[in-house]
Amino acid sequence: MNKVDILMPEPISLMDDESQVRNLNQIYSLQRCQVSDCTIVNGENGTKFAVWKITLLLHPQDTASQQVYYPRVETFRRYSDFCQLREQLIKRCIDEQRPNIDVPELPPGVKWYDVWRYQEINLNRKWLSKRRQGLEFFLNHVLLNGELISLARDLVVKFLEPPQTD
C-alpha cells in the first residue's frame, strides 16, 4: 500500500448564479466554498484519519469602492465533524417544525462489512477524491440554502470558524 501524506485537491466549485446574493454578514457575501487538501493524520493506536481543509472565499458587498481585498476563512474538519453538523441541522429543522427544509446527504462512510479493512479504504486516493467531492457538495448546498442558513446560522458559523488556539 502506498503511503498518502497529502491528497492534492481536485477542485470543483458550486456557485450561486442567482441574482440574489446570500449575505454571510453585512460586509461580505460568499463567493465560493471549497473542500480540499486532505491531510492524513496519525491517531491513537496506530490509526490514521483524514482531515479536510475548508476554504471560504468572501466577496465585498460594496463593489463600488476601491477595495480589492477578498478575505478567506480556512478551517480543518474531519468527516465526523460533517456528520455532526448534518445531525444538528436535521435536529434544528425538526425542533423548529420545519422538516421540509432540505438538508443534503453526505458521501457514504465505510460500509459495515469493510470496517475490518477501514485503514486501507480510508487511505485510497479514488475513495478520498469521491468523499471530497461529496463533502464540498454538501457544504455548498448548505451555504447556498438561505432558508437553512436563516434557521441554523449559529451551527454553520460554529462549524466554519477556525479552531481557537490558546
N, C-alpha and C. Protein backbone atom coordinates (compact mmCIF):
# COMPACT_ATOMS: atom_id res chain seq x y z
N MET A 1 0.86 -1.17 0.00
CA MET A 1 0.00 0.00 0.00
C MET A 1 0.90 1.24 0.00
N ASN A 2 0.58 2.20 -0.82
CA ASN A 2 1.32 3.46 -0.87
C ASN A 2 0.94 4.33 0.31
N LYS A 3 1.93 5.03 0.82
CA LYS A 3 1.68 5.95 1.93
C LYS A 3 1.17 7.27 1.34
N VAL A 4 0.08 7.78 1.89
CA VAL A 4 -0.50 9.03 1.42
C VAL A 4 -0.32 10.07 2.51
N ASP A 5 0.41 11.13 2.22
CA ASP A 5 0.56 12.21 3.19
C ASP A 5 -0.44 13.30 2.91
N ILE A 6 -0.53 13.70 1.65
CA ILE A 6 -1.46 14.75 1.26
C ILE A 6 -2.09 14.35 -0.05
N LEU A 7 -3.38 14.47 -0.13
CA LEU A 7 -4.10 14.23 -1.36
C LEU A 7 -4.31 15.56 -2.04
N MET A 8 -3.75 15.73 -3.21
CA MET A 8 -3.88 17.00 -3.91
C MET A 8 -5.34 17.24 -4.27
N PRO A 9 -5.80 18.47 -4.14
CA PRO A 9 -7.21 18.76 -4.39
C PRO A 9 -7.57 18.62 -5.85
N GLU A 10 -8.79 18.22 -6.06
CA GLU A 10 -9.39 18.20 -7.38
C GLU A 10 -10.57 19.15 -7.31
N PRO A 11 -10.30 20.45 -7.42
CA PRO A 11 -11.33 21.43 -7.10
C PRO A 11 -12.55 21.38 -8.02
N ILE A 12 -13.69 21.47 -7.38
CA ILE A 12 -14.94 21.77 -8.06
C ILE A 12 -15.57 22.88 -7.25
N SER A 13 -16.34 23.67 -7.86
CA SER A 13 -16.97 24.76 -7.13
C SER A 13 -18.41 24.88 -7.56
N LEU A 14 -19.27 25.01 -6.57
CA LEU A 14 -20.67 25.31 -6.83
C LEU A 14 -20.85 26.78 -6.53
N MET A 15 -21.42 27.49 -7.45
CA MET A 15 -21.58 28.92 -7.25
C MET A 15 -23.05 29.26 -7.39
N ASP A 16 -23.48 30.22 -6.63
CA ASP A 16 -24.85 30.68 -6.66
C ASP A 16 -24.97 31.69 -7.80
N ASP A 17 -25.61 31.28 -8.88
CA ASP A 17 -25.75 32.17 -10.03
C ASP A 17 -27.01 33.01 -9.97
N GLU A 18 -27.77 32.86 -8.90
CA GLU A 18 -28.98 33.65 -8.76
C GLU A 18 -28.61 35.12 -8.55
N SER A 19 -29.51 36.00 -8.93
CA SER A 19 -29.23 37.43 -8.78
C SER A 19 -29.21 37.85 -7.31
N GLN A 20 -29.91 37.10 -6.48
CA GLN A 20 -29.94 37.45 -5.05
C GLN A 20 -28.71 36.87 -4.37
N VAL A 21 -27.91 37.74 -3.77
CA VAL A 21 -26.70 37.31 -3.07
C VAL A 21 -27.07 37.00 -1.63
N ARG A 22 -26.58 35.86 -1.14
CA ARG A 22 -26.85 35.49 0.24
C ARG A 22 -25.73 36.04 1.11
N ASN A 23 -26.08 36.88 2.06
CA ASN A 23 -25.10 37.53 2.92
C ASN A 23 -24.62 36.59 4.02
N LEU A 24 -23.32 36.58 4.23
CA LEU A 24 -22.79 35.93 5.43
C LEU A 24 -22.74 36.93 6.57
N ASN A 25 -22.55 38.19 6.21
CA ASN A 25 -22.67 39.28 7.17
C ASN A 25 -22.96 40.55 6.38
N GLN A 26 -22.87 41.69 7.00
CA GLN A 26 -23.26 42.93 6.33
C GLN A 26 -22.25 43.39 5.29
N ILE A 27 -21.00 42.96 5.38
CA ILE A 27 -19.96 43.48 4.51
C ILE A 27 -19.62 42.52 3.37
N TYR A 28 -19.66 41.23 3.61
CA TYR A 28 -19.22 40.26 2.63
C TYR A 28 -20.32 39.26 2.29
N SER A 29 -20.21 38.70 1.10
CA SER A 29 -21.06 37.59 0.70
C SER A 29 -20.16 36.43 0.30
N LEU A 30 -20.71 35.27 0.30
CA LEU A 30 -19.97 34.08 -0.06
C LEU A 30 -19.72 34.06 -1.56
N GLN A 31 -18.48 33.95 -1.95
CA GLN A 31 -18.15 33.82 -3.36
C GLN A 31 -17.98 32.35 -3.73
N ARG A 32 -17.28 31.62 -2.86
CA ARG A 32 -17.01 30.22 -3.17
C ARG A 32 -16.62 29.49 -1.90
N CYS A 33 -17.00 28.23 -1.82
CA CYS A 33 -16.59 27.36 -0.73
C CYS A 33 -15.92 26.15 -1.35
N GLN A 34 -14.77 25.79 -0.82
CA GLN A 34 -14.02 24.69 -1.40
C GLN A 34 -13.52 23.76 -0.30
N VAL A 35 -13.67 22.47 -0.52
CA VAL A 35 -13.11 21.46 0.37
C VAL A 35 -11.93 20.86 -0.37
N SER A 36 -10.76 20.89 0.26
CA SER A 36 -9.55 20.43 -0.44
C SER A 36 -8.53 19.92 0.56
N ASP A 37 -7.35 19.68 0.07
CA ASP A 37 -6.18 19.34 0.89
C ASP A 37 -6.49 18.36 2.01
N CYS A 38 -6.70 17.14 1.62
CA CYS A 38 -6.89 16.07 2.60
C CYS A 38 -5.53 15.74 3.20
N THR A 39 -5.44 15.87 4.50
CA THR A 39 -4.21 15.53 5.20
C THR A 39 -4.48 14.29 6.05
N ILE A 40 -3.62 13.32 5.94
CA ILE A 40 -3.76 12.10 6.73
C ILE A 40 -3.01 12.31 8.05
N VAL A 41 -3.74 12.12 9.14
CA VAL A 41 -3.20 12.36 10.48
C VAL A 41 -3.09 11.03 11.21
N ASN A 42 -2.01 10.85 11.94
CA ASN A 42 -1.84 9.65 12.76
C ASN A 42 -2.62 9.82 14.04
N GLY A 43 -3.51 8.89 14.30
CA GLY A 43 -4.30 8.92 15.52
C GLY A 43 -3.73 7.98 16.57
N GLU A 44 -4.54 7.70 17.55
CA GLU A 44 -4.13 6.79 18.61
C GLU A 44 -4.12 5.35 18.12
N ASN A 45 -3.33 4.53 18.76
CA ASN A 45 -3.26 3.08 18.47
C ASN A 45 -2.93 2.78 17.02
N GLY A 46 -2.15 3.64 16.37
CA GLY A 46 -1.72 3.38 15.00
C GLY A 46 -2.77 3.65 13.93
N THR A 47 -3.90 4.22 14.31
CA THR A 47 -4.94 4.53 13.32
C THR A 47 -4.58 5.81 12.58
N LYS A 48 -5.17 5.98 11.42
CA LYS A 48 -4.98 7.19 10.64
C LYS A 48 -6.35 7.68 10.19
N PHE A 49 -6.48 9.00 10.04
CA PHE A 49 -7.74 9.56 9.57
C PHE A 49 -7.46 10.79 8.73
N ALA A 50 -8.44 11.16 7.93
CA ALA A 50 -8.30 12.30 7.02
C ALA A 50 -8.87 13.55 7.66
N VAL A 51 -8.17 14.66 7.46
CA VAL A 51 -8.65 15.98 7.88
C VAL A 51 -8.73 16.82 6.62
N TRP A 52 -9.87 17.47 6.43
CA TRP A 52 -10.14 18.23 5.21
C TRP A 52 -10.01 19.73 5.45
N LYS A 53 -9.40 20.42 4.51
CA LYS A 53 -9.29 21.87 4.58
C LYS A 53 -10.52 22.48 3.91
N ILE A 54 -11.18 23.39 4.62
CA ILE A 54 -12.34 24.10 4.09
C ILE A 54 -11.94 25.55 3.92
N THR A 55 -12.13 26.07 2.72
CA THR A 55 -11.79 27.46 2.42
C THR A 55 -13.03 28.18 1.93
N LEU A 56 -13.37 29.27 2.61
CA LEU A 56 -14.45 30.15 2.18
C LEU A 56 -13.82 31.40 1.58
N LEU A 57 -14.17 31.71 0.36
CA LEU A 57 -13.73 32.96 -0.25
C LEU A 57 -14.90 33.93 -0.18
N LEU A 58 -14.65 35.08 0.41
CA LEU A 58 -15.70 36.08 0.59
C LEU A 58 -15.50 37.22 -0.39
N HIS A 59 -16.60 37.83 -0.78
CA HIS A 59 -16.61 38.92 -1.75
C HIS A 59 -17.20 40.14 -1.08
N PRO A 60 -16.54 41.31 -1.21
CA PRO A 60 -17.11 42.52 -0.59
C PRO A 60 -18.44 42.90 -1.24
N GLN A 61 -19.40 43.30 -0.42
CA GLN A 61 -20.70 43.74 -0.92
C GLN A 61 -20.57 45.04 -1.70
N ASP A 62 -19.72 45.93 -1.21
CA ASP A 62 -19.55 47.25 -1.82
C ASP A 62 -18.53 47.16 -2.94
N THR A 63 -18.99 46.87 -4.15
CA THR A 63 -18.05 46.73 -5.27
C THR A 63 -17.68 48.08 -5.87
N ALA A 64 -18.34 49.14 -5.43
CA ALA A 64 -18.02 50.48 -5.95
C ALA A 64 -16.73 51.02 -5.34
N SER A 65 -16.39 50.53 -4.15
CA SER A 65 -15.18 51.02 -3.51
C SER A 65 -13.95 50.44 -4.20
N GLN A 66 -12.82 50.97 -3.88
CA GLN A 66 -11.56 50.52 -4.47
C GLN A 66 -10.99 49.30 -3.73
N GLN A 67 -11.76 48.77 -2.82
CA GLN A 67 -11.29 47.63 -2.04
C GLN A 67 -11.11 46.41 -2.95
N VAL A 68 -9.93 45.82 -2.92
CA VAL A 68 -9.66 44.65 -3.73
C VAL A 68 -9.34 43.44 -2.86
N TYR A 69 -9.52 43.57 -1.57
CA TYR A 69 -9.23 42.50 -0.63
C TYR A 69 -10.39 41.51 -0.59
N TYR A 70 -10.10 40.28 -0.86
CA TYR A 70 -11.08 39.22 -0.79
C TYR A 70 -10.66 38.26 0.33
N PRO A 71 -11.26 38.43 1.50
CA PRO A 71 -10.81 37.60 2.64
C PRO A 71 -11.14 36.13 2.45
N ARG A 72 -10.33 35.31 3.10
CA ARG A 72 -10.52 33.86 3.12
C ARG A 72 -10.72 33.43 4.56
N VAL A 73 -11.54 32.46 4.74
CA VAL A 73 -11.69 31.81 6.03
C VAL A 73 -11.29 30.36 5.79
N GLU A 74 -10.34 29.88 6.57
CA GLU A 74 -9.89 28.50 6.41
C GLU A 74 -10.03 27.77 7.74
N THR A 75 -10.49 26.55 7.66
CA THR A 75 -10.61 25.71 8.83
C THR A 75 -10.39 24.27 8.39
N PHE A 76 -10.24 23.39 9.35
CA PHE A 76 -9.99 21.98 9.06
C PHE A 76 -10.99 21.13 9.84
N ARG A 77 -11.58 20.16 9.15
CA ARG A 77 -12.60 19.32 9.78
C ARG A 77 -12.47 17.87 9.30
N ARG A 78 -12.86 16.97 10.20
CA ARG A 78 -12.92 15.54 9.88
C ARG A 78 -14.31 15.22 9.32
N TYR A 79 -14.41 14.05 8.71
CA TYR A 79 -15.70 13.58 8.20
C TYR A 79 -16.72 13.52 9.34
N SER A 80 -16.28 13.10 10.51
CA SER A 80 -17.20 13.00 11.65
C SER A 80 -17.74 14.38 12.05
N ASP A 81 -16.97 15.45 11.81
CA ASP A 81 -17.46 16.80 12.08
C ASP A 81 -18.61 17.16 11.12
N PHE A 82 -18.47 16.75 9.85
CA PHE A 82 -19.54 16.98 8.88
C PHE A 82 -20.79 16.21 9.29
N CYS A 83 -20.60 14.96 9.75
CA CYS A 83 -21.74 14.15 10.20
C CYS A 83 -22.45 14.82 11.37
N GLN A 84 -21.67 15.34 12.30
CA GLN A 84 -22.25 16.01 13.46
C GLN A 84 -23.03 17.26 13.04
N LEU A 85 -22.48 18.05 12.11
CA LEU A 85 -23.18 19.23 11.61
C LEU A 85 -24.50 18.82 10.97
N ARG A 86 -24.48 17.80 10.14
CA ARG A 86 -25.71 17.36 9.47
C ARG A 86 -26.77 16.94 10.49
N GLU A 87 -26.37 16.18 11.49
CA GLU A 87 -27.31 15.76 12.53
C GLU A 87 -27.89 16.96 13.27
N GLN A 88 -27.05 17.95 13.58
CA GLN A 88 -27.52 19.16 14.26
C GLN A 88 -28.49 19.94 13.38
N LEU A 89 -28.22 20.02 12.08
CA LEU A 89 -29.11 20.74 11.17
C LEU A 89 -30.47 20.05 11.09
N ILE A 90 -30.46 18.74 10.98
CA ILE A 90 -31.73 17.99 10.92
C ILE A 90 -32.51 18.18 12.22
N LYS A 91 -31.82 18.09 13.34
CA LYS A 91 -32.48 18.27 14.63
C LYS A 91 -33.08 19.67 14.74
N ARG A 92 -32.34 20.69 14.31
CA ARG A 92 -32.84 22.07 14.36
C ARG A 92 -34.10 22.21 13.50
N CYS A 93 -34.09 21.62 12.30
CA CYS A 93 -35.27 21.69 11.43
C CYS A 93 -36.48 21.03 12.09
N ILE A 94 -36.26 19.89 12.73
CA ILE A 94 -37.35 19.20 13.41
C ILE A 94 -37.83 20.00 14.61
N ASP A 95 -36.90 20.51 15.42
CA ASP A 95 -37.26 21.29 16.61
C ASP A 95 -38.04 22.55 16.25
N GLU A 96 -37.71 23.14 15.12
CA GLU A 96 -38.40 24.37 14.69
C GLU A 96 -39.61 24.07 13.81
N GLN A 97 -39.98 22.81 13.75
CA GLN A 97 -41.13 22.35 12.97
C GLN A 97 -41.02 22.76 11.50
N ARG A 98 -39.82 22.57 10.95
CA ARG A 98 -39.55 22.86 9.54
C ARG A 98 -38.91 21.65 8.87
N PRO A 99 -39.52 20.47 8.96
CA PRO A 99 -38.90 19.25 8.43
C PRO A 99 -38.79 19.24 6.90
N ASN A 100 -39.45 20.18 6.24
CA ASN A 100 -39.41 20.21 4.78
C ASN A 100 -38.14 20.87 4.23
N ILE A 101 -37.32 21.46 5.10
CA ILE A 101 -36.06 22.07 4.64
C ILE A 101 -35.10 20.95 4.24
N ASP A 102 -34.53 21.08 3.07
CA ASP A 102 -33.65 20.06 2.52
C ASP A 102 -32.26 20.15 3.12
N VAL A 103 -31.89 19.14 3.90
CA VAL A 103 -30.52 19.01 4.41
C VAL A 103 -29.89 17.91 3.55
N PRO A 104 -28.85 18.26 2.78
CA PRO A 104 -28.29 17.29 1.84
C PRO A 104 -27.63 16.10 2.53
N GLU A 105 -27.50 15.03 1.76
CA GLU A 105 -26.82 13.83 2.24
C GLU A 105 -25.32 14.06 2.21
N LEU A 106 -24.62 13.33 3.02
CA LEU A 106 -23.16 13.30 3.00
C LEU A 106 -22.71 12.12 2.15
N PRO A 107 -21.47 12.15 1.66
CA PRO A 107 -20.99 10.95 0.96
C PRO A 107 -20.97 9.79 1.94
N PRO A 108 -21.15 8.58 1.45
CA PRO A 108 -21.25 7.44 2.37
C PRO A 108 -19.96 7.19 3.14
N GLY A 109 -20.12 6.63 4.32
CA GLY A 109 -18.97 6.22 5.12
C GLY A 109 -18.49 4.86 4.64
N VAL A 110 -17.57 4.30 5.37
CA VAL A 110 -17.07 2.96 5.05
C VAL A 110 -18.19 1.97 5.37
N LYS A 111 -18.46 1.08 4.44
CA LYS A 111 -19.53 0.09 4.62
C LYS A 111 -19.20 -0.82 5.81
N TRP A 112 -20.23 -1.25 6.50
CA TRP A 112 -20.05 -2.04 7.71
C TRP A 112 -19.21 -3.28 7.47
N TYR A 113 -19.35 -3.90 6.28
CA TYR A 113 -18.63 -5.13 6.00
C TYR A 113 -17.17 -4.86 5.62
N ASP A 114 -16.79 -3.58 5.45
CA ASP A 114 -15.40 -3.22 5.16
C ASP A 114 -14.69 -2.61 6.36
N VAL A 115 -15.36 -2.57 7.50
CA VAL A 115 -14.77 -1.94 8.68
C VAL A 115 -13.46 -2.62 9.06
N TRP A 116 -13.37 -3.91 8.86
CA TRP A 116 -12.14 -4.64 9.22
C TRP A 116 -10.93 -4.17 8.41
N ARG A 117 -11.17 -3.56 7.24
CA ARG A 117 -10.06 -3.01 6.44
C ARG A 117 -10.22 -1.49 6.26
N TYR A 118 -10.72 -0.85 7.31
CA TYR A 118 -11.01 0.59 7.29
C TYR A 118 -9.80 1.42 6.88
N GLN A 119 -8.63 1.15 7.47
CA GLN A 119 -7.44 1.95 7.18
C GLN A 119 -7.07 1.89 5.70
N GLU A 120 -7.18 0.73 5.10
CA GLU A 120 -6.87 0.58 3.67
C GLU A 120 -7.81 1.42 2.81
N ILE A 121 -9.10 1.37 3.12
CA ILE A 121 -10.10 2.13 2.36
C ILE A 121 -9.94 3.63 2.61
N ASN A 122 -9.74 4.00 3.85
CA ASN A 122 -9.67 5.41 4.23
C ASN A 122 -8.46 6.12 3.62
N LEU A 123 -7.49 5.39 3.12
CA LEU A 123 -6.30 6.00 2.51
C LEU A 123 -6.28 5.83 0.99
N ASN A 124 -7.33 5.30 0.41
CA ASN A 124 -7.41 5.10 -1.02
C ASN A 124 -7.71 6.42 -1.72
N ARG A 125 -6.85 6.80 -2.67
CA ARG A 125 -6.98 8.10 -3.35
C ARG A 125 -8.33 8.29 -4.05
N LYS A 126 -8.76 7.28 -4.77
CA LYS A 126 -10.02 7.39 -5.52
C LYS A 126 -11.19 7.56 -4.55
N TRP A 127 -11.19 6.79 -3.47
CA TRP A 127 -12.26 6.88 -2.49
C TRP A 127 -12.25 8.24 -1.81
N LEU A 128 -11.04 8.73 -1.45
CA LEU A 128 -10.92 10.05 -0.82
C LEU A 128 -11.37 11.16 -1.77
N SER A 129 -11.07 11.02 -3.04
CA SER A 129 -11.49 12.03 -4.03
C SER A 129 -13.01 12.12 -4.11
N LYS A 130 -13.67 10.98 -4.13
CA LYS A 130 -15.14 10.98 -4.16
C LYS A 130 -15.71 11.57 -2.86
N ARG A 131 -15.08 11.25 -1.75
CA ARG A 131 -15.54 11.80 -0.47
C ARG A 131 -15.39 13.31 -0.47
N ARG A 132 -14.25 13.83 -0.96
CA ARG A 132 -14.02 15.27 -1.01
C ARG A 132 -15.10 15.96 -1.84
N GLN A 133 -15.41 15.39 -2.99
CA GLN A 133 -16.45 15.98 -3.85
C GLN A 133 -17.79 16.00 -3.12
N GLY A 134 -18.11 14.91 -2.44
CA GLY A 134 -19.37 14.85 -1.70
C GLY A 134 -19.43 15.83 -0.56
N LEU A 135 -18.31 16.01 0.16
CA LEU A 135 -18.27 16.96 1.26
C LEU A 135 -18.42 18.39 0.75
N GLU A 136 -17.78 18.68 -0.39
CA GLU A 136 -17.89 20.02 -0.96
C GLU A 136 -19.31 20.29 -1.45
N PHE A 137 -19.93 19.30 -2.06
CA PHE A 137 -21.32 19.46 -2.50
C PHE A 137 -22.22 19.72 -1.29
N PHE A 138 -22.04 18.92 -0.24
CA PHE A 138 -22.84 19.08 0.98
C PHE A 138 -22.71 20.50 1.53
N LEU A 139 -21.48 20.95 1.71
CA LEU A 139 -21.25 22.25 2.33
C LEU A 139 -21.77 23.40 1.47
N ASN A 140 -21.56 23.34 0.17
CA ASN A 140 -22.08 24.38 -0.71
C ASN A 140 -23.60 24.39 -0.71
N HIS A 141 -24.19 23.22 -0.70
CA HIS A 141 -25.66 23.13 -0.68
C HIS A 141 -26.21 23.77 0.60
N VAL A 142 -25.56 23.51 1.71
CA VAL A 142 -25.98 24.11 2.98
C VAL A 142 -25.82 25.62 2.93
N LEU A 143 -24.65 26.09 2.48
CA LEU A 143 -24.36 27.53 2.48
C LEU A 143 -25.23 28.32 1.51
N LEU A 144 -25.66 27.69 0.44
CA LEU A 144 -26.48 28.40 -0.55
C LEU A 144 -27.97 28.25 -0.30
N ASN A 145 -28.34 27.55 0.77
CA ASN A 145 -29.74 27.39 1.12
C ASN A 145 -30.11 28.47 2.15
N GLY A 146 -30.64 29.58 1.67
CA GLY A 146 -30.96 30.71 2.53
C GLY A 146 -31.90 30.36 3.67
N GLU A 147 -32.86 29.49 3.41
CA GLU A 147 -33.82 29.09 4.44
C GLU A 147 -33.12 28.31 5.56
N LEU A 148 -32.21 27.42 5.19
CA LEU A 148 -31.47 26.66 6.18
C LEU A 148 -30.51 27.55 6.97
N ILE A 149 -29.85 28.48 6.29
CA ILE A 149 -28.93 29.40 6.96
C ILE A 149 -29.68 30.28 7.95
N SER A 150 -30.84 30.78 7.57
CA SER A 150 -31.58 31.65 8.49
C SER A 150 -32.05 30.86 9.72
N LEU A 151 -32.29 29.58 9.57
CA LEU A 151 -32.76 28.75 10.67
C LEU A 151 -31.61 28.29 11.58
N ALA A 152 -30.44 28.02 10.99
CA ALA A 152 -29.36 27.41 11.77
C ALA A 152 -28.01 28.10 11.54
N ARG A 153 -28.05 29.39 11.39
CA ARG A 153 -26.82 30.16 11.14
C ARG A 153 -25.75 29.90 12.20
N ASP A 154 -26.15 29.85 13.46
CA ASP A 154 -25.20 29.65 14.54
C ASP A 154 -24.45 28.33 14.41
N LEU A 155 -25.13 27.28 14.00
CA LEU A 155 -24.50 25.98 13.82
C LEU A 155 -23.48 26.00 12.68
N VAL A 156 -23.87 26.65 11.58
CA VAL A 156 -22.98 26.72 10.41
C VAL A 156 -21.76 27.57 10.72
N VAL A 157 -21.97 28.71 11.38
CA VAL A 157 -20.85 29.59 11.72
C VAL A 157 -19.89 28.86 12.65
N LYS A 158 -20.41 28.16 13.64
CA LYS A 158 -19.56 27.43 14.58
C LYS A 158 -18.74 26.36 13.84
N PHE A 159 -19.35 25.69 12.88
CA PHE A 159 -18.65 24.67 12.10
C PHE A 159 -17.53 25.28 11.27
N LEU A 160 -17.76 26.48 10.72
CA LEU A 160 -16.81 27.10 9.82
C LEU A 160 -15.74 27.94 10.52
N GLU A 161 -15.93 28.23 11.77
CA GLU A 161 -14.95 29.04 12.49
C GLU A 161 -13.66 28.26 12.64
N PRO A 162 -12.52 28.94 12.41
CA PRO A 162 -11.24 28.27 12.64
C PRO A 162 -11.11 27.90 14.12
N PRO A 163 -10.46 26.80 14.40
CA PRO A 163 -10.29 26.39 15.80
C PRO A 163 -9.55 27.45 16.59
N GLN A 164 -9.95 27.63 17.84
CA GLN A 164 -9.30 28.58 18.73
C GLN A 164 -8.02 27.97 19.28
N THR A 165 -6.93 28.70 19.18
CA THR A 165 -5.68 28.24 19.75
C THR A 165 -5.38 29.06 20.99
N ASP A 166 -5.00 28.37 22.04
CA ASP A 166 -4.71 29.05 23.31
C ASP A 166 -3.25 29.37 23.43
